[in-house]
Amino acid sequence: MHVQAVTIVPLEVVARNIAAGSLCQQTGIPLGTQLDPPLVEFYYKNDDLGDPLLTRDRIRAMDLASDSRVDAIIGLTQAINGHLTDFFQRCQIILVDFKLEFGITAQGQLVLADEISPDTCRLWDQANPDPKGRILDKDRFRQDLGQVADAYQAVLERVLAQVKSN
């Protein structure tokens, strides 16, 4: 892991490959609907306001990021999504969606500035058709399904096996 000081861009960026969570609740899109192309959404990183969904125009009006910076964030998010989707596929895990945060280095470079884990991703076991049994992420806690540590351990074991095989 490479770590350096950055200035955080106050946006949470969510990449969605499959409809789940708040997207289903807010839009009525059925759970499990494949999103093609994947959605990239922006939320204002502000707990007092409830991290509201933002449009490009709102981001510009709030002076949170320039249009070119938003384009760069979208491009990086799409690239990260492609890499993660492929990697998790090899682990027999479906990457439903995930959250990213970005920062700006002292040299002005936009970089990923967040963890990627079962706390920031929605992950489903490819081999398990049960809508509750397939969950391998924080939704086990959110939905009071139990066995959160077991699910995280299963993800870790699959990831390590994939890394080891390369």
N, C-alpha and C. Protein backbone atom coordinates (compact mmCIF):
# COMPACT_ATOMS: atom_id res chain seq x y z
N MET A 1 0.85 -1.17 0.00
CA MET A 1 0.00 0.00 0.00
C MET A 1 0.90 1.23 0.00
N HIS A 2 0.59 2.17 -0.85
CA HIS A 2 1.32 3.43 -0.91
C HIS A 2 0.45 4.50 -0.26
N VAL A 3 1.04 5.25 0.66
CA VAL A 3 0.29 6.26 1.39
C VAL A 3 1.04 7.58 1.29
N GLN A 4 0.31 8.64 1.03
CA GLN A 4 0.88 9.97 1.04
C GLN A 4 -0.19 10.97 1.44
N ALA A 5 0.24 12.12 1.87
CA ALA A 5 -0.70 13.16 2.27
C ALA A 5 -1.40 13.71 1.03
N VAL A 6 -2.71 13.88 1.15
CA VAL A 6 -3.51 14.45 0.07
C VAL A 6 -4.53 15.41 0.65
N THR A 7 -5.05 16.25 -0.21
CA THR A 7 -6.21 17.06 0.12
C THR A 7 -7.41 16.31 -0.43
N ILE A 8 -8.31 15.91 0.44
CA ILE A 8 -9.46 15.11 0.02
C ILE A 8 -10.46 15.95 -0.77
N VAL A 9 -10.88 15.42 -1.90
CA VAL A 9 -11.98 16.01 -2.67
C VAL A 9 -13.25 15.63 -1.90
N PRO A 10 -14.09 16.60 -1.50
CA PRO A 10 -15.22 16.29 -0.62
C PRO A 10 -16.40 15.61 -1.32
N LEU A 11 -16.07 14.59 -2.12
CA LEU A 11 -17.09 13.82 -2.83
C LEU A 11 -16.88 12.34 -2.54
N GLU A 12 -17.99 11.65 -2.29
CA GLU A 12 -17.95 10.19 -2.28
C GLU A 12 -18.45 9.77 -3.66
N VAL A 13 -17.70 8.88 -4.28
CA VAL A 13 -18.01 8.45 -5.63
C VAL A 13 -18.45 6.99 -5.54
N VAL A 14 -19.63 6.70 -6.07
CA VAL A 14 -20.16 5.34 -6.03
C VAL A 14 -20.27 4.82 -7.46
N ALA A 15 -19.64 3.67 -7.68
CA ALA A 15 -19.76 2.97 -8.96
C ALA A 15 -20.75 1.83 -8.75
N ARG A 16 -21.75 1.74 -9.61
CA ARG A 16 -22.80 0.72 -9.49
C ARG A 16 -22.86 -0.12 -10.75
N ASN A 17 -22.62 -1.43 -10.58
CA ASN A 17 -22.71 -2.38 -11.68
C ASN A 17 -24.05 -3.09 -11.71
N ILE A 18 -24.65 -3.24 -10.53
CA ILE A 18 -25.92 -3.94 -10.36
C ILE A 18 -26.75 -3.12 -9.38
N ALA A 19 -28.03 -3.00 -9.64
CA ALA A 19 -28.90 -2.22 -8.76
C ALA A 19 -29.04 -2.91 -7.40
N ALA A 20 -28.80 -2.12 -6.35
CA ALA A 20 -28.95 -2.58 -4.98
C ALA A 20 -29.01 -1.36 -4.07
N GLY A 21 -29.37 -1.60 -2.82
CA GLY A 21 -29.32 -0.55 -1.80
C GLY A 21 -30.19 0.65 -2.12
N SER A 22 -29.60 1.84 -1.88
CA SER A 22 -30.35 3.08 -2.03
C SER A 22 -30.82 3.32 -3.46
N LEU A 23 -30.10 2.81 -4.44
CA LEU A 23 -30.55 2.98 -5.83
C LEU A 23 -31.92 2.34 -6.02
N CYS A 24 -32.11 1.15 -5.50
CA CYS A 24 -33.41 0.48 -5.60
C CYS A 24 -34.48 1.22 -4.80
N GLN A 25 -34.11 1.65 -3.59
CA GLN A 25 -35.07 2.33 -2.71
C GLN A 25 -35.52 3.65 -3.31
N GLN A 26 -34.59 4.38 -3.96
CA GLN A 26 -34.91 5.72 -4.45
C GLN A 26 -35.51 5.74 -5.86
N THR A 27 -35.30 4.67 -6.62
CA THR A 27 -35.73 4.70 -8.02
C THR A 27 -36.76 3.63 -8.39
N GLY A 28 -36.86 2.59 -7.57
CA GLY A 28 -37.74 1.48 -7.91
C GLY A 28 -37.13 0.49 -8.88
N ILE A 29 -35.87 0.69 -9.27
CA ILE A 29 -35.19 -0.29 -10.11
C ILE A 29 -35.09 -1.57 -9.30
N PRO A 30 -35.48 -2.71 -9.85
CA PRO A 30 -35.45 -3.96 -9.09
C PRO A 30 -34.04 -4.38 -8.66
N LEU A 31 -33.94 -4.90 -7.44
CA LEU A 31 -32.68 -5.43 -6.94
C LEU A 31 -32.13 -6.45 -7.92
N GLY A 32 -30.84 -6.33 -8.21
CA GLY A 32 -30.18 -7.29 -9.09
C GLY A 32 -30.16 -6.91 -10.55
N THR A 33 -30.78 -5.80 -10.92
CA THR A 33 -30.78 -5.36 -12.31
C THR A 33 -29.37 -4.97 -12.73
N GLN A 34 -28.89 -5.57 -13.82
CA GLN A 34 -27.57 -5.24 -14.37
C GLN A 34 -27.62 -3.83 -14.93
N LEU A 35 -26.66 -3.00 -14.60
CA LEU A 35 -26.61 -1.62 -15.08
C LEU A 35 -25.54 -1.53 -16.18
N ASP A 36 -25.98 -1.26 -17.39
CA ASP A 36 -25.06 -1.23 -18.52
C ASP A 36 -25.32 0.03 -19.32
N PRO A 37 -24.41 1.00 -19.26
CA PRO A 37 -23.12 0.95 -18.57
C PRO A 37 -23.30 1.15 -17.07
N PRO A 38 -22.26 0.83 -16.30
CA PRO A 38 -22.32 1.06 -14.86
C PRO A 38 -22.55 2.54 -14.55
N LEU A 39 -23.24 2.80 -13.46
CA LEU A 39 -23.48 4.18 -13.03
C LEU A 39 -22.30 4.69 -12.21
N VAL A 40 -22.00 5.96 -12.35
CA VAL A 40 -21.07 6.64 -11.46
C VAL A 40 -21.84 7.79 -10.83
N GLU A 41 -21.96 7.76 -9.51
CA GLU A 41 -22.73 8.77 -8.78
C GLU A 41 -21.83 9.52 -7.81
N PHE A 42 -22.22 10.77 -7.53
CA PHE A 42 -21.48 11.62 -6.61
C PHE A 42 -22.35 11.99 -5.42
N TYR A 43 -21.78 11.91 -4.25
CA TYR A 43 -22.44 12.32 -3.02
C TYR A 43 -21.54 13.32 -2.31
N TYR A 44 -22.15 14.37 -1.76
CA TYR A 44 -21.40 15.37 -1.01
C TYR A 44 -20.98 14.77 0.32
N LYS A 45 -19.70 14.78 0.59
CA LYS A 45 -19.16 14.20 1.81
C LYS A 45 -19.40 15.18 2.96
N ASN A 46 -20.62 15.13 3.51
CA ASN A 46 -21.00 16.04 4.58
C ASN A 46 -22.08 15.37 5.43
N ASP A 47 -21.67 14.85 6.58
CA ASP A 47 -22.59 14.12 7.46
C ASP A 47 -23.76 14.99 7.93
N ASP A 48 -23.51 16.29 8.18
CA ASP A 48 -24.57 17.18 8.66
C ASP A 48 -25.71 17.30 7.64
N LEU A 49 -25.39 17.16 6.36
CA LEU A 49 -26.41 17.24 5.31
C LEU A 49 -26.88 15.87 4.85
N GLY A 50 -26.35 14.81 5.46
CA GLY A 50 -26.77 13.46 5.10
C GLY A 50 -26.15 12.95 3.81
N ASP A 51 -24.98 13.48 3.44
CA ASP A 51 -24.27 13.03 2.24
C ASP A 51 -25.19 13.00 1.01
N PRO A 52 -25.76 14.15 0.62
CA PRO A 52 -26.74 14.15 -0.48
C PRO A 52 -26.13 13.82 -1.84
N LEU A 53 -26.97 13.22 -2.69
CA LEU A 53 -26.62 12.94 -4.07
C LEU A 53 -26.44 14.27 -4.80
N LEU A 54 -25.36 14.36 -5.59
CA LEU A 54 -25.07 15.60 -6.32
C LEU A 54 -25.07 15.37 -7.82
N THR A 55 -25.44 16.39 -8.55
CA THR A 55 -25.30 16.41 -10.00
C THR A 55 -24.01 17.14 -10.34
N ARG A 56 -23.59 17.03 -11.58
CA ARG A 56 -22.40 17.79 -12.04
C ARG A 56 -22.61 19.29 -11.83
N ASP A 57 -23.83 19.78 -12.11
CA ASP A 57 -24.11 21.20 -11.95
C ASP A 57 -24.01 21.63 -10.48
N ARG A 58 -24.48 20.81 -9.58
CA ARG A 58 -24.37 21.13 -8.16
C ARG A 58 -22.90 21.13 -7.71
N ILE A 59 -22.14 20.16 -8.20
CA ILE A 59 -20.72 20.10 -7.86
C ILE A 59 -20.04 21.40 -8.30
N ARG A 60 -20.36 21.87 -9.51
CA ARG A 60 -19.80 23.11 -10.03
C ARG A 60 -20.29 24.30 -9.20
N ALA A 61 -21.59 24.36 -8.90
CA ALA A 61 -22.15 25.49 -8.14
C ALA A 61 -21.57 25.58 -6.74
N MET A 62 -21.28 24.43 -6.15
CA MET A 62 -20.71 24.40 -4.80
C MET A 62 -19.19 24.55 -4.81
N ASP A 63 -18.61 24.64 -6.00
CA ASP A 63 -17.17 24.78 -6.18
C ASP A 63 -16.39 23.65 -5.50
N LEU A 64 -16.94 22.42 -5.64
CA LEU A 64 -16.28 21.25 -5.05
C LEU A 64 -15.25 20.65 -5.99
N ALA A 65 -15.47 20.80 -7.29
CA ALA A 65 -14.54 20.28 -8.29
C ALA A 65 -14.89 20.90 -9.64
N SER A 66 -13.87 21.12 -10.45
CA SER A 66 -14.08 21.65 -11.80
C SER A 66 -14.64 20.54 -12.70
N ASP A 67 -15.17 20.93 -13.84
CA ASP A 67 -15.67 19.93 -14.80
C ASP A 67 -14.56 18.97 -15.21
N SER A 68 -13.35 19.49 -15.41
CA SER A 68 -12.24 18.61 -15.81
C SER A 68 -11.87 17.65 -14.68
N ARG A 69 -11.96 18.11 -13.44
CA ARG A 69 -11.67 17.23 -12.31
C ARG A 69 -12.76 16.15 -12.20
N VAL A 70 -14.02 16.51 -12.40
CA VAL A 70 -15.11 15.53 -12.39
C VAL A 70 -14.89 14.50 -13.50
N ASP A 71 -14.50 14.97 -14.69
CA ASP A 71 -14.21 14.04 -15.79
C ASP A 71 -13.09 13.08 -15.41
N ALA A 72 -12.05 13.60 -14.77
CA ALA A 72 -10.92 12.76 -14.36
C ALA A 72 -11.36 11.75 -13.30
N ILE A 73 -12.20 12.17 -12.37
CA ILE A 73 -12.71 11.26 -11.33
C ILE A 73 -13.53 10.15 -11.98
N ILE A 74 -14.39 10.51 -12.92
CA ILE A 74 -15.21 9.51 -13.61
C ILE A 74 -14.30 8.53 -14.35
N GLY A 75 -13.31 9.04 -15.06
CA GLY A 75 -12.39 8.17 -15.79
C GLY A 75 -11.65 7.21 -14.88
N LEU A 76 -11.13 7.71 -13.75
CA LEU A 76 -10.44 6.83 -12.79
C LEU A 76 -11.40 5.82 -12.18
N THR A 77 -12.60 6.27 -11.85
CA THR A 77 -13.59 5.36 -11.26
C THR A 77 -13.94 4.24 -12.23
N GLN A 78 -14.13 4.58 -13.49
CA GLN A 78 -14.44 3.55 -14.49
C GLN A 78 -13.28 2.57 -14.65
N ALA A 79 -12.05 3.07 -14.63
CA ALA A 79 -10.88 2.19 -14.76
C ALA A 79 -10.76 1.28 -13.54
N ILE A 80 -10.94 1.84 -12.35
CA ILE A 80 -10.88 1.05 -11.12
C ILE A 80 -11.99 0.00 -11.13
N ASN A 81 -13.18 0.39 -11.56
CA ASN A 81 -14.30 -0.54 -11.64
C ASN A 81 -13.97 -1.71 -12.57
N GLY A 82 -13.37 -1.43 -13.70
CA GLY A 82 -13.00 -2.49 -14.63
C GLY A 82 -12.01 -3.46 -14.01
N HIS A 83 -10.99 -2.93 -13.35
CA HIS A 83 -9.99 -3.79 -12.71
C HIS A 83 -10.60 -4.62 -11.58
N LEU A 84 -11.39 -3.96 -10.73
CA LEU A 84 -11.99 -4.67 -9.60
C LEU A 84 -13.01 -5.72 -10.05
N THR A 85 -13.82 -5.37 -11.03
CA THR A 85 -14.81 -6.32 -11.54
C THR A 85 -14.13 -7.58 -12.05
N ASP A 86 -13.07 -7.40 -12.84
CA ASP A 86 -12.32 -8.54 -13.37
C ASP A 86 -11.67 -9.35 -12.25
N PHE A 87 -11.05 -8.66 -11.30
CA PHE A 87 -10.37 -9.35 -10.21
C PHE A 87 -11.37 -10.16 -9.38
N PHE A 88 -12.47 -9.53 -8.96
CA PHE A 88 -13.45 -10.24 -8.14
C PHE A 88 -14.10 -11.38 -8.92
N GLN A 89 -14.29 -11.21 -10.23
CA GLN A 89 -14.83 -12.29 -11.06
C GLN A 89 -13.95 -13.53 -10.92
N ARG A 90 -12.63 -13.34 -10.95
CA ARG A 90 -11.71 -14.46 -10.80
C ARG A 90 -11.77 -15.06 -9.40
N CYS A 91 -12.27 -14.30 -8.44
CA CYS A 91 -12.45 -14.78 -7.06
C CYS A 91 -13.83 -15.40 -6.85
N GLN A 92 -14.63 -15.50 -7.92
CA GLN A 92 -16.00 -16.02 -7.85
C GLN A 92 -16.90 -15.11 -7.00
N ILE A 93 -16.64 -13.80 -7.10
CA ILE A 93 -17.40 -12.80 -6.37
C ILE A 93 -17.93 -11.78 -7.38
N ILE A 94 -19.18 -11.38 -7.21
CA ILE A 94 -19.79 -10.34 -8.04
C ILE A 94 -19.60 -9.00 -7.33
N LEU A 95 -18.98 -8.05 -8.02
CA LEU A 95 -18.84 -6.69 -7.50
C LEU A 95 -20.10 -5.92 -7.88
N VAL A 96 -20.98 -5.75 -6.92
CA VAL A 96 -22.27 -5.08 -7.16
C VAL A 96 -22.06 -3.58 -7.28
N ASP A 97 -21.43 -3.00 -6.26
CA ASP A 97 -21.13 -1.57 -6.27
C ASP A 97 -20.05 -1.30 -5.23
N PHE A 98 -19.52 -0.08 -5.23
CA PHE A 98 -18.51 0.30 -4.25
C PHE A 98 -18.37 1.81 -4.20
N LYS A 99 -17.77 2.27 -3.10
CA LYS A 99 -17.56 3.70 -2.85
C LYS A 99 -16.07 4.00 -2.90
N LEU A 100 -15.74 5.13 -3.49
CA LEU A 100 -14.36 5.60 -3.53
C LEU A 100 -14.30 7.04 -3.06
N GLU A 101 -13.13 7.42 -2.57
CA GLU A 101 -12.83 8.83 -2.31
C GLU A 101 -11.50 9.12 -2.97
N PHE A 102 -11.35 10.36 -3.43
CA PHE A 102 -10.14 10.77 -4.12
C PHE A 102 -9.50 11.93 -3.40
N GLY A 103 -8.21 12.11 -3.64
CA GLY A 103 -7.47 13.22 -3.07
C GLY A 103 -6.54 13.81 -4.11
N ILE A 104 -6.01 14.97 -3.78
CA ILE A 104 -5.07 15.68 -4.65
C ILE A 104 -3.73 15.74 -3.92
N THR A 105 -2.68 15.25 -4.58
CA THR A 105 -1.34 15.28 -3.98
C THR A 105 -0.80 16.71 -4.01
N ALA A 106 0.33 16.91 -3.33
CA ALA A 106 0.99 18.22 -3.34
C ALA A 106 1.41 18.62 -4.75
N GLN A 107 1.60 17.62 -5.62
CA GLN A 107 1.97 17.89 -7.02
C GLN A 107 0.74 18.11 -7.91
N GLY A 108 -0.45 18.06 -7.32
CA GLY A 108 -1.67 18.32 -8.08
C GLY A 108 -2.25 17.10 -8.77
N GLN A 109 -1.74 15.90 -8.44
CA GLN A 109 -2.23 14.67 -9.08
C GLN A 109 -3.45 14.13 -8.34
N LEU A 110 -4.46 13.74 -9.10
CA LEU A 110 -5.65 13.09 -8.55
C LEU A 110 -5.32 11.63 -8.28
N VAL A 111 -5.56 11.17 -7.05
CA VAL A 111 -5.26 9.78 -6.68
C VAL A 111 -6.40 9.20 -5.85
N LEU A 112 -6.51 7.87 -5.91
CA LEU A 112 -7.42 7.16 -5.04
C LEU A 112 -6.94 7.36 -3.61
N ALA A 113 -7.83 7.72 -2.71
CA ALA A 113 -7.43 8.03 -1.33
C ALA A 113 -8.36 7.33 -0.35
N ASP A 114 -8.63 6.05 -0.59
CA ASP A 114 -9.59 5.35 0.24
C ASP A 114 -9.28 3.86 0.19
N GLU A 115 -9.79 3.14 1.16
CA GLU A 115 -9.65 1.69 1.18
C GLU A 115 -10.64 1.05 0.22
N ILE A 116 -10.34 -0.17 -0.17
CA ILE A 116 -11.29 -1.00 -0.90
C ILE A 116 -11.42 -2.26 -0.08
N SER A 117 -12.61 -2.48 0.49
CA SER A 117 -12.84 -3.58 1.42
C SER A 117 -14.31 -3.97 1.41
N PRO A 118 -14.67 -5.05 2.12
CA PRO A 118 -16.09 -5.39 2.22
C PRO A 118 -16.91 -4.32 2.97
N ASP A 119 -16.24 -3.34 3.58
CA ASP A 119 -16.96 -2.23 4.19
C ASP A 119 -17.32 -1.16 3.17
N THR A 120 -16.60 -1.11 2.05
CA THR A 120 -16.84 -0.08 1.04
C THR A 120 -17.37 -0.64 -0.28
N CYS A 121 -17.50 -1.96 -0.34
CA CYS A 121 -18.01 -2.64 -1.54
C CYS A 121 -19.24 -3.46 -1.18
N ARG A 122 -20.11 -3.65 -2.15
CA ARG A 122 -21.18 -4.63 -2.02
C ARG A 122 -20.75 -5.82 -2.86
N LEU A 123 -20.58 -6.98 -2.21
CA LEU A 123 -20.03 -8.17 -2.84
C LEU A 123 -20.98 -9.34 -2.67
N TRP A 124 -21.22 -10.09 -3.76
CA TRP A 124 -22.09 -11.26 -3.71
C TRP A 124 -21.32 -12.49 -4.16
N ASP A 125 -21.57 -13.60 -3.49
CA ASP A 125 -20.99 -14.88 -3.86
C ASP A 125 -21.63 -15.35 -5.16
N GLN A 126 -20.82 -15.56 -6.20
CA GLN A 126 -21.35 -15.98 -7.51
C GLN A 126 -22.10 -17.31 -7.44
N ALA A 127 -21.66 -18.19 -6.56
CA ALA A 127 -22.21 -19.56 -6.54
C ALA A 127 -23.47 -19.68 -5.69
N ASN A 128 -23.84 -18.64 -4.98
CA ASN A 128 -24.98 -18.72 -4.06
C ASN A 128 -26.16 -17.92 -4.61
N PRO A 129 -27.24 -18.58 -5.04
CA PRO A 129 -28.38 -17.86 -5.60
C PRO A 129 -29.30 -17.22 -4.55
N ASP A 130 -29.13 -17.59 -3.28
CA ASP A 130 -29.97 -17.05 -2.21
C ASP A 130 -29.67 -15.56 -2.01
N PRO A 131 -30.66 -14.67 -2.16
CA PRO A 131 -30.42 -13.24 -2.05
C PRO A 131 -29.77 -12.80 -0.73
N LYS A 132 -30.03 -13.51 0.33
CA LYS A 132 -29.41 -13.16 1.62
C LYS A 132 -28.12 -13.95 1.84
N GLY A 133 -28.11 -15.20 1.46
CA GLY A 133 -26.94 -16.05 1.68
C GLY A 133 -25.74 -15.65 0.85
N ARG A 134 -25.96 -14.98 -0.29
CA ARG A 134 -24.85 -14.61 -1.17
C ARG A 134 -24.08 -13.38 -0.69
N ILE A 135 -24.60 -12.66 0.28
CA ILE A 135 -24.01 -11.39 0.71
C ILE A 135 -22.70 -11.63 1.47
N LEU A 136 -21.63 -10.96 1.00
CA LEU A 136 -20.29 -11.12 1.58
C LEU A 136 -19.73 -9.78 2.07
N ASP A 137 -20.57 -8.85 2.45
CA ASP A 137 -20.11 -7.50 2.77
C ASP A 137 -20.87 -6.93 3.96
N LYS A 138 -20.77 -5.61 4.13
CA LYS A 138 -21.36 -4.91 5.26
C LYS A 138 -22.89 -5.05 5.32
N ASP A 139 -23.51 -5.42 4.21
CA ASP A 139 -24.96 -5.63 4.22
C ASP A 139 -25.35 -6.76 5.17
N ARG A 140 -24.45 -7.67 5.47
CA ARG A 140 -24.74 -8.72 6.46
C ARG A 140 -25.05 -8.06 7.81
N PHE A 141 -24.31 -7.00 8.13
CA PHE A 141 -24.55 -6.24 9.36
C PHE A 141 -25.80 -5.38 9.21
N ARG A 142 -25.90 -4.63 8.12
CA ARG A 142 -27.04 -3.73 7.90
C ARG A 142 -28.37 -4.46 7.95
N GLN A 143 -28.40 -5.69 7.41
CA GLN A 143 -29.64 -6.46 7.35
C GLN A 143 -29.76 -7.45 8.50
N ASP A 144 -28.87 -7.36 9.47
CA ASP A 144 -28.88 -8.22 10.66
C ASP A 144 -28.91 -9.71 10.28
N LEU A 145 -28.02 -10.08 9.34
CA LEU A 145 -27.94 -11.46 8.86
C LEU A 145 -26.94 -12.29 9.67
N GLY A 146 -26.12 -11.63 10.47
CA GLY A 146 -25.10 -12.34 11.25
C GLY A 146 -23.95 -12.81 10.37
N GLN A 147 -23.00 -13.47 10.99
CA GLN A 147 -21.83 -14.06 10.31
C GLN A 147 -21.06 -13.05 9.47
N VAL A 148 -20.95 -11.82 9.96
CA VAL A 148 -20.23 -10.78 9.23
C VAL A 148 -18.76 -11.15 9.11
N ALA A 149 -18.14 -11.56 10.22
CA ALA A 149 -16.72 -11.91 10.20
C ALA A 149 -16.47 -13.10 9.27
N ASP A 150 -17.37 -14.05 9.25
CA ASP A 150 -17.21 -15.21 8.36
C ASP A 150 -17.24 -14.78 6.89
N ALA A 151 -18.14 -13.86 6.56
CA ALA A 151 -18.23 -13.38 5.18
C ALA A 151 -16.95 -12.64 4.78
N TYR A 152 -16.46 -11.77 5.67
CA TYR A 152 -15.24 -11.03 5.38
C TYR A 152 -14.06 -12.00 5.25
N GLN A 153 -14.04 -13.03 6.07
CA GLN A 153 -12.98 -14.04 6.00
C GLN A 153 -13.04 -14.79 4.66
N ALA A 154 -14.24 -15.08 4.20
CA ALA A 154 -14.39 -15.76 2.90
C ALA A 154 -13.85 -14.88 1.77
N VAL A 155 -14.12 -13.58 1.84
CA VAL A 155 -13.59 -12.65 0.83
C VAL A 155 -12.06 -12.66 0.90
N LEU A 156 -11.52 -12.54 2.10
CA LEU A 156 -10.07 -12.53 2.26
C LEU A 156 -9.43 -13.79 1.68
N GLU A 157 -10.00 -14.94 2.00
CA GLU A 157 -9.44 -16.20 1.52
C GLU A 157 -9.47 -16.28 -0.01
N ARG A 158 -10.55 -15.83 -0.62
CA ARG A 158 -10.64 -15.85 -2.08
C ARG A 158 -9.66 -14.88 -2.72
N VAL A 159 -9.54 -13.70 -2.11
CA VAL A 159 -8.61 -12.70 -2.63
C VAL A 159 -7.17 -13.23 -2.53
N LEU A 160 -6.81 -13.76 -1.36
CA LEU A 160 -5.45 -14.28 -1.19
C LEU A 160 -5.16 -15.44 -2.13
N ALA A 161 -6.13 -16.30 -2.34
CA ALA A 161 -5.95 -17.42 -3.27
C ALA A 161 -5.72 -16.90 -4.69
N GLN A 162 -6.45 -15.88 -5.07
CA GLN A 162 -6.30 -15.30 -6.42
C GLN A 162 -4.94 -14.63 -6.56
N VAL A 163 -4.53 -13.87 -5.54
CA VAL A 163 -3.23 -13.21 -5.57
C VAL A 163 -2.11 -14.25 -5.65
N LYS A 164 -2.25 -15.31 -4.87
CA LYS A 164 -1.24 -16.36 -4.83
C LYS A 164 -1.13 -17.09 -6.18
N SER A 165 -2.25 -17.23 -6.88
CA SER A 165 -2.23 -17.96 -8.16
C SER A 165 -1.61 -17.14 -9.28
N ASN A 166 -1.45 -15.86 -9.08
CA ASN A 166 -0.86 -15.00 -10.14
C ASN A 166 0.63 -14.96 -10.05
